[in-house]
Amino acid sequence: VEGRTNRKWADETKVAETLTAKGFTDIYKPQTLLGIGAIETLVGKK
């Protein structure tokens, strides 16, 4: 079968730009972009 893999960002720079434009600021820990799960919680799953 196909092994399990984790989601990842296709372009972290674009992710940061998109979040910043929407007013999200606490998106780094400490200097790296938060993981997908943390960002999903931050912006809301919907």
ModelCIF file with pLDDT and N, C-alpha, C, O atoms, coordinates in Angstrom:
data_MODEL
#
_entry.id   MODEL 
#
_entity.id                         1 
_entity.type                       polymer 
_entity.pdbx_number_of_molecules   1 
#
_entity_poly.entity_id                      1 
_entity_poly.type                           'polypeptide(L)' 
_entity_poly.nstd_linkage                   no 
_entity_poly.nstd_monomer                   no 
_entity_poly.pdbx_seq_one_letter_code       VEGRTNRKWADETKVAETLTAKGFTDIYKPQTLLGIGAIETLVGKK 
_entity_poly.pdbx_seq_one_letter_code_can   VEGRTNRKWADETKVAETLTAKGFTDIYKPQTLLGIGAIETLVGKK 
_entity_poly.pdbx_strand_id                 A 
#
loop_
_entity_poly_seq.entity_id 
_entity_poly_seq.num 
_entity_poly_seq.mon_id 
_entity_poly_seq.hetero 
1 1  VAL n 
1 2  GLU n 
1 3  GLY n 
1 4  ARG n 
1 5  THR n 
1 6  ASN n 
1 7  ARG n 
1 8  LYS n 
1 9  TRP n 
1 10 ALA n 
1 11 ASP n 
1 12 GLU n 
1 13 THR n 
1 14 LYS n 
1 15 VAL n 
1 16 ALA n 
1 17 GLU n 
1 18 THR n 
1 19 LEU n 
1 20 THR n 
1 21 ALA n 
1 22 LYS n 
1 23 GLY n 
1 24 PHE n 
1 25 THR n 
1 26 ASP n 
1 27 ILE n 
1 28 TYR n 
1 29 LYS n 
1 30 PRO n 
1 31 GLN n 
1 32 THR n 
1 33 LEU n 
1 34 LEU n 
1 35 GLY n 
1 36 ILE n 
1 37 GLY n 
1 38 ALA n 
1 39 ILE n 
1 40 GLU n 
1 41 THR n 
1 42 LEU n 
1 43 VAL n 
1 44 GLY n 
1 45 LYS n 
1 46 LYS n 
#
_struct_asym.id          A 
_struct_asym.entity_id   1 
#
loop_
_ma_qa_metric.id 
_ma_qa_metric.mode 
_ma_qa_metric.name 
_ma_qa_metric.software_group_id 
_ma_qa_metric.type 
1 global pLDDT . pLDDT 
2 local  pLDDT . pLDDT 
#
_ma_qa_metric_global.metric_id      1 
_ma_qa_metric_global.metric_value   86.89 
_ma_qa_metric_global.model_id       1 
_ma_qa_metric_global.ordinal_id     1 
#
loop_
_ma_qa_metric_local.label_asym_id 
_ma_qa_metric_local.label_comp_id 
_ma_qa_metric_local.label_seq_id 
_ma_qa_metric_local.metric_id 
_ma_qa_metric_local.metric_value 
_ma_qa_metric_local.model_id 
_ma_qa_metric_local.ordinal_id 
A VAL 1  2 88.00 1 1  
A GLU 2  2 87.00 1 2  
A GLY 3  2 86.00 1 3  
A ARG 4  2 82.00 1 4  
A THR 5  2 82.00 1 5  
A ASN 6  2 83.00 1 6  
A ARG 7  2 85.00 1 7  
A LYS 8  2 87.00 1 8  
A TRP 9  2 88.00 1 9  
A ALA 10 2 89.00 1 10 
A ASP 11 2 90.00 1 11 
A GLU 12 2 89.00 1 12 
A THR 13 2 89.00 1 13 
A LYS 14 2 91.00 1 14 
A VAL 15 2 90.00 1 15 
A ALA 16 2 90.00 1 16 
A GLU 17 2 90.00 1 17 
A THR 18 2 91.00 1 18 
A LEU 19 2 91.00 1 19 
A THR 20 2 90.00 1 20 
A ALA 21 2 90.00 1 21 
A LYS 22 2 87.00 1 22 
A GLY 23 2 88.00 1 23 
A PHE 24 2 88.00 1 24 
A THR 25 2 82.00 1 25 
A ASP 26 2 82.00 1 26 
A ILE 27 2 87.00 1 27 
A TYR 28 2 86.00 1 28 
A LYS 29 2 82.00 1 29 
A PRO 30 2 75.00 1 30 
A GLN 31 2 76.00 1 31 
A THR 32 2 85.00 1 32 
A LEU 33 2 88.00 1 33 
A LEU 34 2 87.00 1 34 
A GLY 35 2 86.00 1 35 
A ILE 36 2 90.00 1 36 
A GLY 37 2 86.00 1 37 
A ALA 38 2 88.00 1 38 
A ILE 39 2 90.00 1 39 
A GLU 40 2 89.00 1 40 
A THR 41 2 88.00 1 41 
A LEU 42 2 89.00 1 42 
A VAL 43 2 87.00 1 43 
A GLY 44 2 88.00 1 44 
A LYS 45 2 87.00 1 45 
A LYS 46 2 88.00 1 46 
#
loop_
_atom_site.group_PDB 
_atom_site.id 
_atom_site.type_symbol 
_atom_site.label_atom_id 
_atom_site.label_alt_id 
_atom_site.label_comp_id 
_atom_site.label_asym_id 
_atom_site.label_entity_id 
_atom_site.label_seq_id 
_atom_site.pdbx_PDB_ins_code 
_atom_site.Cartn_x 
_atom_site.Cartn_y 
_atom_site.Cartn_z 
_atom_site.occupancy 
_atom_site.B_iso_or_equiv 
_atom_site.pdbx_formal_charge 
_atom_site.auth_seq_id 
_atom_site.auth_comp_id 
_atom_site.auth_asym_id 
_atom_site.auth_atom_id 
_atom_site.pdbx_PDB_model_num 
ATOM 1   N N  . VAL A 1 1  ? 0.847   -1.183 0.000  1.00 88.00 ? 1  VAL A N  1 
ATOM 2   C CA . VAL A 1 1  ? 0.000   0.000  0.000  1.00 88.00 ? 1  VAL A CA 1 
ATOM 3   C C  . VAL A 1 1  ? 0.889   1.241  0.000  1.00 88.00 ? 1  VAL A C  1 
ATOM 4   O O  . VAL A 1 1  ? 2.099   1.160  0.208  1.00 88.00 ? 1  VAL A O  1 
ATOM 5   N N  . GLU A 1 2  ? 0.262   2.383  -0.237 1.00 87.00 ? 2  GLU A N  1 
ATOM 6   C CA . GLU A 1 2  ? 1.009   3.642  -0.169 1.00 87.00 ? 2  GLU A CA 1 
ATOM 7   C C  . GLU A 1 2  ? 1.225   4.019  1.288  1.00 87.00 ? 2  GLU A C  1 
ATOM 8   O O  . GLU A 1 2  ? 0.280   4.060  2.076  1.00 87.00 ? 2  GLU A O  1 
ATOM 9   N N  . GLY A 1 3  ? 2.476   4.294  1.638  1.00 86.00 ? 3  GLY A N  1 
ATOM 10  C CA . GLY A 1 3  ? 2.780   4.659  3.012  1.00 86.00 ? 3  GLY A CA 1 
ATOM 11  C C  . GLY A 1 3  ? 2.190   6.006  3.395  1.00 86.00 ? 3  GLY A C  1 
ATOM 12  O O  . GLY A 1 3  ? 1.910   6.848  2.542  1.00 86.00 ? 3  GLY A O  1 
ATOM 13  N N  . ARG A 1 4  ? 2.011   6.188  4.678  1.00 82.00 ? 4  ARG A N  1 
ATOM 14  C CA . ARG A 1 4  ? 1.431   7.441  5.171  1.00 82.00 ? 4  ARG A CA 1 
ATOM 15  C C  . ARG A 1 4  ? 2.462   8.567  5.088  1.00 82.00 ? 4  ARG A C  1 
ATOM 16  O O  . ARG A 1 4  ? 3.652   8.358  5.327  1.00 82.00 ? 4  ARG A O  1 
ATOM 17  N N  . THR A 1 5  ? 1.985   9.752  4.749  1.00 82.00 ? 5  THR A N  1 
ATOM 18  C CA . THR A 1 5  ? 2.858   10.930 4.697  1.00 82.00 ? 5  THR A CA 1 
ATOM 19  C C  . THR A 1 5  ? 2.160   12.101 5.380  1.00 82.00 ? 5  THR A C  1 
ATOM 20  O O  . THR A 1 5  ? 0.954   12.066 5.620  1.00 82.00 ? 5  THR A O  1 
ATOM 21  N N  . ASN A 1 6  ? 2.916   13.111 5.681  1.00 83.00 ? 6  ASN A N  1 
ATOM 22  C CA . ASN A 1 6  ? 2.365   14.309 6.313  1.00 83.00 ? 6  ASN A CA 1 
ATOM 23  C C  . ASN A 1 6  ? 2.204   15.434 5.294  1.00 83.00 ? 6  ASN A C  1 
ATOM 24  O O  . ASN A 1 6  ? 2.968   15.553 4.336  1.00 83.00 ? 6  ASN A O  1 
ATOM 25  N N  . ARG A 1 7  ? 1.192   16.245 5.534  1.00 85.00 ? 7  ARG A N  1 
ATOM 26  C CA . ARG A 1 7  ? 0.999   17.420 4.675  1.00 85.00 ? 7  ARG A CA 1 
ATOM 27  C C  . ARG A 1 7  ? 2.163   18.398 4.866  1.00 85.00 ? 7  ARG A C  1 
ATOM 28  O O  . ARG A 1 7  ? 2.798   18.418 5.920  1.00 85.00 ? 7  ARG A O  1 
ATOM 29  N N  . LYS A 1 8  ? 2.429   19.185 3.866  1.00 87.00 ? 8  LYS A N  1 
ATOM 30  C CA . LYS A 1 8  ? 3.456   20.220 4.009  1.00 87.00 ? 8  LYS A CA 1 
ATOM 31  C C  . LYS A 1 8  ? 3.094   21.422 3.149  1.00 87.00 ? 8  LYS A C  1 
ATOM 32  O O  . LYS A 1 8  ? 2.284   21.321 2.228  1.00 87.00 ? 8  LYS A O  1 
ATOM 33  N N  . TRP A 1 9  ? 3.701   22.554 3.457  1.00 88.00 ? 9  TRP A N  1 
ATOM 34  C CA . TRP A 1 9  ? 3.454   23.768 2.698  1.00 88.00 ? 9  TRP A CA 1 
ATOM 35  C C  . TRP A 1 9  ? 4.124   23.700 1.338  1.00 88.00 ? 9  TRP A C  1 
ATOM 36  O O  . TRP A 1 9  ? 5.278   23.285 1.224  1.00 88.00 ? 9  TRP A O  1 
ATOM 37  N N  . ALA A 1 10 ? 3.410   24.103 0.324  1.00 89.00 ? 10 ALA A N  1 
ATOM 38  C CA . ALA A 1 10 ? 3.993   24.161 -1.019 1.00 89.00 ? 10 ALA A CA 1 
ATOM 39  C C  . ALA A 1 10 ? 4.910   25.372 -1.166 1.00 89.00 ? 10 ALA A C  1 
ATOM 40  O O  . ALA A 1 10 ? 5.914   25.313 -1.876 1.00 89.00 ? 10 ALA A O  1 
ATOM 41  N N  . ASP A 1 11 ? 4.563   26.470 -0.493 1.00 90.00 ? 11 ASP A N  1 
ATOM 42  C CA . ASP A 1 11 ? 5.354   27.692 -0.580 1.00 90.00 ? 11 ASP A CA 1 
ATOM 43  C C  . ASP A 1 11 ? 5.165   28.463 0.732  1.00 90.00 ? 11 ASP A C  1 
ATOM 44  O O  . ASP A 1 11 ? 4.152   29.139 0.908  1.00 90.00 ? 11 ASP A O  1 
ATOM 45  N N  . GLU A 1 12 ? 6.116   28.368 1.637  1.00 89.00 ? 12 GLU A N  1 
ATOM 46  C CA . GLU A 1 12 ? 5.973   29.010 2.945  1.00 89.00 ? 12 GLU A CA 1 
ATOM 47  C C  . GLU A 1 12 ? 5.895   30.531 2.839  1.00 89.00 ? 12 GLU A C  1 
ATOM 48  O O  . GLU A 1 12 ? 5.202   31.172 3.629  1.00 89.00 ? 12 GLU A O  1 
ATOM 49  N N  . THR A 1 13 ? 6.591   31.106 1.880  1.00 89.00 ? 13 THR A N  1 
ATOM 50  C CA . THR A 1 13 ? 6.562   32.565 1.709  1.00 89.00 ? 13 THR A CA 1 
ATOM 51  C C  . THR A 1 13 ? 5.147   33.041 1.372  1.00 89.00 ? 13 THR A C  1 
ATOM 52  O O  . THR A 1 13 ? 4.672   34.035 1.922  1.00 89.00 ? 13 THR A O  1 
ATOM 53  N N  . LYS A 1 14 ? 4.482   32.329 0.470  1.00 91.00 ? 14 LYS A N  1 
ATOM 54  C CA . LYS A 1 14 ? 3.121   32.709 0.088  1.00 91.00 ? 14 LYS A CA 1 
ATOM 55  C C  . LYS A 1 14 ? 2.149   32.494 1.246  1.00 91.00 ? 14 LYS A C  1 
ATOM 56  O O  . LYS A 1 14 ? 1.203   33.261 1.426  1.00 91.00 ? 14 LYS A O  1 
ATOM 57  N N  . VAL A 1 15 ? 2.394   31.434 2.033  1.00 90.00 ? 15 VAL A N  1 
ATOM 58  C CA . VAL A 1 15 ? 1.549   31.178 3.199  1.00 90.00 ? 15 VAL A CA 1 
ATOM 59  C C  . VAL A 1 15 ? 1.657   32.347 4.172  1.00 90.00 ? 15 VAL A C  1 
ATOM 60  O O  . VAL A 1 15 ? 0.648   32.855 4.661  1.00 90.00 ? 15 VAL A O  1 
ATOM 61  N N  . ALA A 1 16 ? 2.898   32.772 4.449  1.00 90.00 ? 16 ALA A N  1 
ATOM 62  C CA . ALA A 1 16 ? 3.121   33.883 5.383  1.00 90.00 ? 16 ALA A CA 1 
ATOM 63  C C  . ALA A 1 16 ? 2.490   35.171 4.856  1.00 90.00 ? 16 ALA A C  1 
ATOM 64  O O  . ALA A 1 16 ? 1.885   35.924 5.618  1.00 90.00 ? 16 ALA A O  1 
ATOM 65  N N  . GLU A 1 17 ? 2.630   35.425 3.554  1.00 90.00 ? 17 GLU A N  1 
ATOM 66  C CA . GLU A 1 17 ? 2.057   36.636 2.966  1.00 90.00 ? 17 GLU A CA 1 
ATOM 67  C C  . GLU A 1 17 ? 0.532   36.628 3.057  1.00 90.00 ? 17 GLU A C  1 
ATOM 68  O O  . GLU A 1 17 ? -0.094  37.649 3.341  1.00 90.00 ? 17 GLU A O  1 
ATOM 69  N N  . THR A 1 18 ? -0.049  35.456 2.811  1.00 91.00 ? 18 THR A N  1 
ATOM 70  C CA . THR A 1 18 ? -1.515  35.329 2.865  1.00 91.00 ? 18 THR A CA 1 
ATOM 71  C C  . THR A 1 18 ? -2.030  35.568 4.278  1.00 91.00 ? 18 THR A C  1 
ATOM 72  O O  . THR A 1 18 ? -3.013  36.282 4.476  1.00 91.00 ? 18 THR A O  1 
ATOM 73  N N  . LEU A 1 19 ? -1.362  34.969 5.257  1.00 91.00 ? 19 LEU A N  1 
ATOM 74  C CA . LEU A 1 19 ? -1.786  35.119 6.649  1.00 91.00 ? 19 LEU A CA 1 
ATOM 75  C C  . LEU A 1 19 ? -1.600  36.548 7.145  1.00 91.00 ? 19 LEU A C  1 
ATOM 76  O O  . LEU A 1 19 ? -2.453  37.088 7.849  1.00 91.00 ? 19 LEU A O  1 
ATOM 77  N N  . THR A 1 20 ? -0.475  37.152 6.769  1.00 90.00 ? 20 THR A N  1 
ATOM 78  C CA . THR A 1 20 ? -0.198  38.532 7.194  1.00 90.00 ? 20 THR A CA 1 
ATOM 79  C C  . THR A 1 20 ? -1.242  39.482 6.615  1.00 90.00 ? 20 THR A C  1 
ATOM 80  O O  . THR A 1 20 ? -1.699  40.403 7.293  1.00 90.00 ? 20 THR A O  1 
ATOM 81  N N  . ALA A 1 21 ? -1.613  39.253 5.362  1.00 90.00 ? 21 ALA A N  1 
ATOM 82  C CA . ALA A 1 21 ? -2.615  40.110 4.713  1.00 90.00 ? 21 ALA A CA 1 
ATOM 83  C C  . ALA A 1 21 ? -3.969  40.011 5.399  1.00 90.00 ? 21 ALA A C  1 
ATOM 84  O O  . ALA A 1 21 ? -4.765  40.948 5.352  1.00 90.00 ? 21 ALA A O  1 
ATOM 85  N N  . LYS A 1 22 ? -4.229  38.864 6.041  1.00 87.00 ? 22 LYS A N  1 
ATOM 86  C CA . LYS A 1 22 ? -5.494  38.662 6.740  1.00 87.00 ? 22 LYS A CA 1 
ATOM 87  C C  . LYS A 1 22 ? -5.406  39.095 8.211  1.00 87.00 ? 22 LYS A C  1 
ATOM 88  O O  . LYS A 1 22 ? -6.366  38.929 8.963  1.00 87.00 ? 22 LYS A O  1 
ATOM 89  N N  . GLY A 1 23 ? -4.268  39.644 8.618  1.00 88.00 ? 23 GLY A N  1 
ATOM 90  C CA . GLY A 1 23 ? -4.133  40.173 9.959  1.00 88.00 ? 23 GLY A CA 1 
ATOM 91  C C  . GLY A 1 23 ? -3.602  39.201 10.999 1.00 88.00 ? 23 GLY A C  1 
ATOM 92  O O  . GLY A 1 23 ? -3.598  39.515 12.189 1.00 88.00 ? 23 GLY A O  1 
ATOM 93  N N  . PHE A 1 24 ? -3.161  38.044 10.581 1.00 88.00 ? 24 PHE A N  1 
ATOM 94  C CA . PHE A 1 24 ? -2.589  37.080 11.532 1.00 88.00 ? 24 PHE A CA 1 
ATOM 95  C C  . PHE A 1 24 ? -1.109  37.416 11.753 1.00 88.00 ? 24 PHE A C  1 
ATOM 96  O O  . PHE A 1 24 ? -0.363  37.622 10.796 1.00 88.00 ? 24 PHE A O  1 
ATOM 97  N N  . THR A 1 25 ? -0.700  37.468 13.009 1.00 82.00 ? 25 THR A N  1 
ATOM 98  C CA . THR A 1 25 ? 0.679   37.869 13.329 1.00 82.00 ? 25 THR A CA 1 
ATOM 99  C C  . THR A 1 25 ? 1.494   36.764 13.999 1.00 82.00 ? 25 THR A C  1 
ATOM 100 O O  . THR A 1 25 ? 2.672   36.590 13.686 1.00 82.00 ? 25 THR A O  1 
ATOM 101 N N  . ASP A 1 26 ? 0.892   36.034 14.896 1.00 82.00 ? 26 ASP A N  1 
ATOM 102 C CA . ASP A 1 26 ? 1.640   34.996 15.637 1.00 82.00 ? 26 ASP A CA 1 
ATOM 103 C C  . ASP A 1 26 ? 1.733   33.717 14.814 1.00 82.00 ? 26 ASP A C  1 
ATOM 104 O O  . ASP A 1 26 ? 1.118   32.703 15.143 1.00 82.00 ? 26 ASP A O  1 
ATOM 105 N N  . ILE A 1 27 ? 2.503   33.783 13.750 1.00 87.00 ? 27 ILE A N  1 
ATOM 106 C CA . ILE A 1 27 ? 2.575   32.632 12.832 1.00 87.00 ? 27 ILE A CA 1 
ATOM 107 C C  . ILE A 1 27 ? 3.962   31.990 12.804 1.00 87.00 ? 27 ILE A C  1 
ATOM 108 O O  . ILE A 1 27 ? 4.211   31.088 12.004 1.00 87.00 ? 27 ILE A O  1 
ATOM 109 N N  . TYR A 1 28 ? 4.858   32.445 13.667 1.00 86.00 ? 28 TYR A N  1 
ATOM 110 C CA . TYR A 1 28 ? 6.212   31.889 13.694 1.00 86.00 ? 28 TYR A CA 1 
ATOM 111 C C  . TYR A 1 28 ? 6.532   31.345 15.085 1.00 86.00 ? 28 TYR A C  1 
ATOM 112 O O  . TYR A 1 28 ? 6.040   31.856 16.091 1.00 86.00 ? 28 TYR A O  1 
ATOM 113 N N  . LYS A 1 29 ? 7.363   30.300 15.129 1.00 82.00 ? 29 LYS A N  1 
ATOM 114 C CA . LYS A 1 29 ? 7.794   29.717 16.404 1.00 82.00 ? 29 LYS A CA 1 
ATOM 115 C C  . LYS A 1 29 ? 9.139   29.017 16.225 1.00 82.00 ? 29 LYS A C  1 
ATOM 116 O O  . LYS A 1 29 ? 9.186   27.958 15.598 1.00 82.00 ? 29 LYS A O  1 
ATOM 117 N N  . PRO A 1 30 ? 10.232  29.566 16.750 1.00 75.00 ? 30 PRO A N  1 
ATOM 118 C CA . PRO A 1 30 ? 10.381  31.005 17.048 1.00 75.00 ? 30 PRO A CA 1 
ATOM 119 C C  . PRO A 1 30 ? 10.603  31.800 15.768 1.00 75.00 ? 30 PRO A C  1 
ATOM 120 O O  . PRO A 1 30 ? 10.100  32.915 15.623 1.00 75.00 ? 30 PRO A O  1 
ATOM 121 N N  . GLN A 1 31 ? 11.382  31.201 14.814 1.00 76.00 ? 31 GLN A N  1 
ATOM 122 C CA . GLN A 1 31 ? 11.645  31.912 13.565 1.00 76.00 ? 31 GLN A CA 1 
ATOM 123 C C  . GLN A 1 31 ? 11.149  31.139 12.355 1.00 76.00 ? 31 GLN A C  1 
ATOM 124 O O  . GLN A 1 31 ? 11.260  31.611 11.223 1.00 76.00 ? 31 GLN A O  1 
ATOM 125 N N  . THR A 1 32 ? 10.615  29.978 12.585 1.00 85.00 ? 32 THR A N  1 
ATOM 126 C CA . THR A 1 32 ? 10.104  29.173 11.488 1.00 85.00 ? 32 THR A CA 1 
ATOM 127 C C  . THR A 1 32 ? 8.581   29.224 11.481 1.00 85.00 ? 32 THR A C  1 
ATOM 128 O O  . THR A 1 32 ? 7.950   29.402 12.523 1.00 85.00 ? 32 THR A O  1 
ATOM 129 N N  . LEU A 1 33 ? 8.009   29.068 10.315 1.00 88.00 ? 33 LEU A N  1 
ATOM 130 C CA . LEU A 1 33 ? 6.559   29.112 10.165 1.00 88.00 ? 33 LEU A CA 1 
ATOM 131 C C  . LEU A 1 33 ? 5.926   27.961 10.924 1.00 88.00 ? 33 LEU A C  1 
ATOM 132 O O  . LEU A 1 33 ? 6.439   26.843 10.924 1.00 88.00 ? 33 LEU A O  1 
ATOM 133 N N  . LEU A 1 34 ? 4.789   28.252 11.578 1.00 87.00 ? 34 LEU A N  1 
ATOM 134 C CA . LEU A 1 34 ? 4.085   27.201 12.315 1.00 87.00 ? 34 LEU A CA 1 
ATOM 135 C C  . LEU A 1 34 ? 3.678   26.071 11.369 1.00 87.00 ? 34 LEU A C  1 
ATOM 136 O O  . LEU A 1 34 ? 3.514   26.279 10.167 1.00 87.00 ? 34 LEU A O  1 
ATOM 137 N N  . GLY A 1 35 ? 3.519   24.883 11.930 1.00 86.00 ? 35 GLY A N  1 
ATOM 138 C CA . GLY A 1 35 ? 3.090   23.744 11.144 1.00 86.00 ? 35 GLY A CA 1 
ATOM 139 C C  . GLY A 1 35 ? 1.655   23.881 10.689 1.00 86.00 ? 35 GLY A C  1 
ATOM 140 O O  . GLY A 1 35 ? 0.920   24.750 11.159 1.00 86.00 ? 35 GLY A O  1 
ATOM 141 N N  . ILE A 1 36 ? 1.259   23.009 9.761  1.00 90.00 ? 36 ILE A N  1 
ATOM 142 C CA . ILE A 1 36 ? -0.080  23.102 9.170  1.00 90.00 ? 36 ILE A CA 1 
ATOM 143 C C  . ILE A 1 36 ? -1.166  22.946 10.224 1.00 90.00 ? 36 ILE A C  1 
ATOM 144 O O  . ILE A 1 36 ? -2.169  23.660 10.198 1.00 90.00 ? 36 ILE A O  1 
ATOM 145 N N  . GLY A 1 37 ? -0.966  22.010 11.154 1.00 86.00 ? 37 GLY A N  1 
ATOM 146 C CA . GLY A 1 37 ? -1.975  21.799 12.188 1.00 86.00 ? 37 GLY A CA 1 
ATOM 147 C C  . GLY A 1 37 ? -2.191  23.027 13.042 1.00 86.00 ? 37 GLY A C  1 
ATOM 148 O O  . GLY A 1 37 ? -3.328  23.379 13.358 1.00 86.00 ? 37 GLY A O  1 
ATOM 149 N N  . ALA A 1 38 ? -1.093  23.689 13.421 1.00 88.00 ? 38 ALA A N  1 
ATOM 150 C CA . ALA A 1 38 ? -1.188  24.885 14.257 1.00 88.00 ? 38 ALA A CA 1 
ATOM 151 C C  . ALA A 1 38 ? -1.849  26.039 13.500 1.00 88.00 ? 38 ALA A C  1 
ATOM 152 O O  . ALA A 1 38 ? -2.660  26.771 14.067 1.00 88.00 ? 38 ALA A O  1 
ATOM 153 N N  . ILE A 1 39 ? -1.505  26.200 12.232 1.00 90.00 ? 39 ILE A N  1 
ATOM 154 C CA . ILE A 1 39 ? -2.104  27.262 11.420 1.00 90.00 ? 39 ILE A CA 1 
ATOM 155 C C  . ILE A 1 39 ? -3.592  26.981 11.209 1.00 90.00 ? 39 ILE A C  1 
ATOM 156 O O  . ILE A 1 39 ? -4.410  27.900 11.206 1.00 90.00 ? 39 ILE A O  1 
ATOM 157 N N  . GLU A 1 40 ? -3.929  25.725 11.036 1.00 89.00 ? 40 GLU A N  1 
ATOM 158 C CA . GLU A 1 40 ? -5.333  25.343 10.850 1.00 89.00 ? 40 GLU A CA 1 
ATOM 159 C C  . GLU A 1 40 ? -6.163  25.716 12.075 1.00 89.00 ? 40 GLU A C  1 
ATOM 160 O O  . GLU A 1 40 ? -7.295  26.186 11.960 1.00 89.00 ? 40 GLU A O  1 
ATOM 161 N N  . THR A 1 41 ? -5.567  25.493 13.264 1.00 88.00 ? 41 THR A N  1 
ATOM 162 C CA . THR A 1 41 ? -6.248  25.878 14.501 1.00 88.00 ? 41 THR A CA 1 
ATOM 163 C C  . THR A 1 41 ? -6.359  27.397 14.609 1.00 88.00 ? 41 THR A C  1 
ATOM 164 O O  . THR A 1 41 ? -7.372  27.924 15.068 1.00 88.00 ? 41 THR A O  1 
ATOM 165 N N  . LEU A 1 42 ? -5.298  28.097 14.179 1.00 89.00 ? 42 LEU A N  1 
ATOM 166 C CA . LEU A 1 42 ? -5.261  29.559 14.277 1.00 89.00 ? 42 LEU A CA 1 
ATOM 167 C C  . LEU A 1 42 ? -6.336  30.217 13.418 1.00 89.00 ? 42 LEU A C  1 
ATOM 168 O O  . LEU A 1 42 ? -7.021  31.132 13.875 1.00 89.00 ? 42 LEU A O  1 
ATOM 169 N N  . VAL A 1 43 ? -6.485  29.759 12.184 1.00 87.00 ? 43 VAL A N  1 
ATOM 170 C CA . VAL A 1 43 ? -7.437  30.403 11.263 1.00 87.00 ? 43 VAL A CA 1 
ATOM 171 C C  . VAL A 1 43 ? -8.824  29.768 11.319 1.00 87.00 ? 43 VAL A C  1 
ATOM 172 O O  . VAL A 1 43 ? -9.798  30.339 10.831 1.00 87.00 ? 43 VAL A O  1 
ATOM 173 N N  . GLY A 1 44 ? -8.901  28.584 11.919 1.00 88.00 ? 44 GLY A N  1 
ATOM 174 C CA . GLY A 1 44 ? -10.176 27.884 11.987 1.00 88.00 ? 44 GLY A CA 1 
ATOM 175 C C  . GLY A 1 44 ? -10.300 26.860 10.879 1.00 88.00 ? 44 GLY A C  1 
ATOM 176 O O  . GLY A 1 44 ? -9.982  27.140 9.723  1.00 88.00 ? 44 GLY A O  1 
ATOM 177 N N  . LYS A 1 45 ? -10.763 25.670 11.236 1.00 87.00 ? 45 LYS A N  1 
ATOM 178 C CA . LYS A 1 45 ? -10.827 24.591 10.248 1.00 87.00 ? 45 LYS A CA 1 
ATOM 179 C C  . LYS A 1 45 ? -11.771 24.908 9.090  1.00 87.00 ? 45 LYS A C  1 
ATOM 180 O O  . LYS A 1 45 ? -11.546 24.454 7.968  1.00 87.00 ? 45 LYS A O  1 
ATOM 181 N N  . LYS A 1 46 ? -12.827 25.683 9.350  1.00 88.00 ? 46 LYS A N  1 
ATOM 182 C CA . LYS A 1 46 ? -13.767 26.003 8.277  1.00 88.00 ? 46 LYS A CA 1 
ATOM 183 C C  . LYS A 1 46 ? -13.149 26.966 7.265  1.00 88.00 ? 46 LYS A C  1 
ATOM 184 O O  . LYS A 1 46 ? -13.803 27.343 6.293  1.00 88.00 ? 46 LYS A O  1 
#
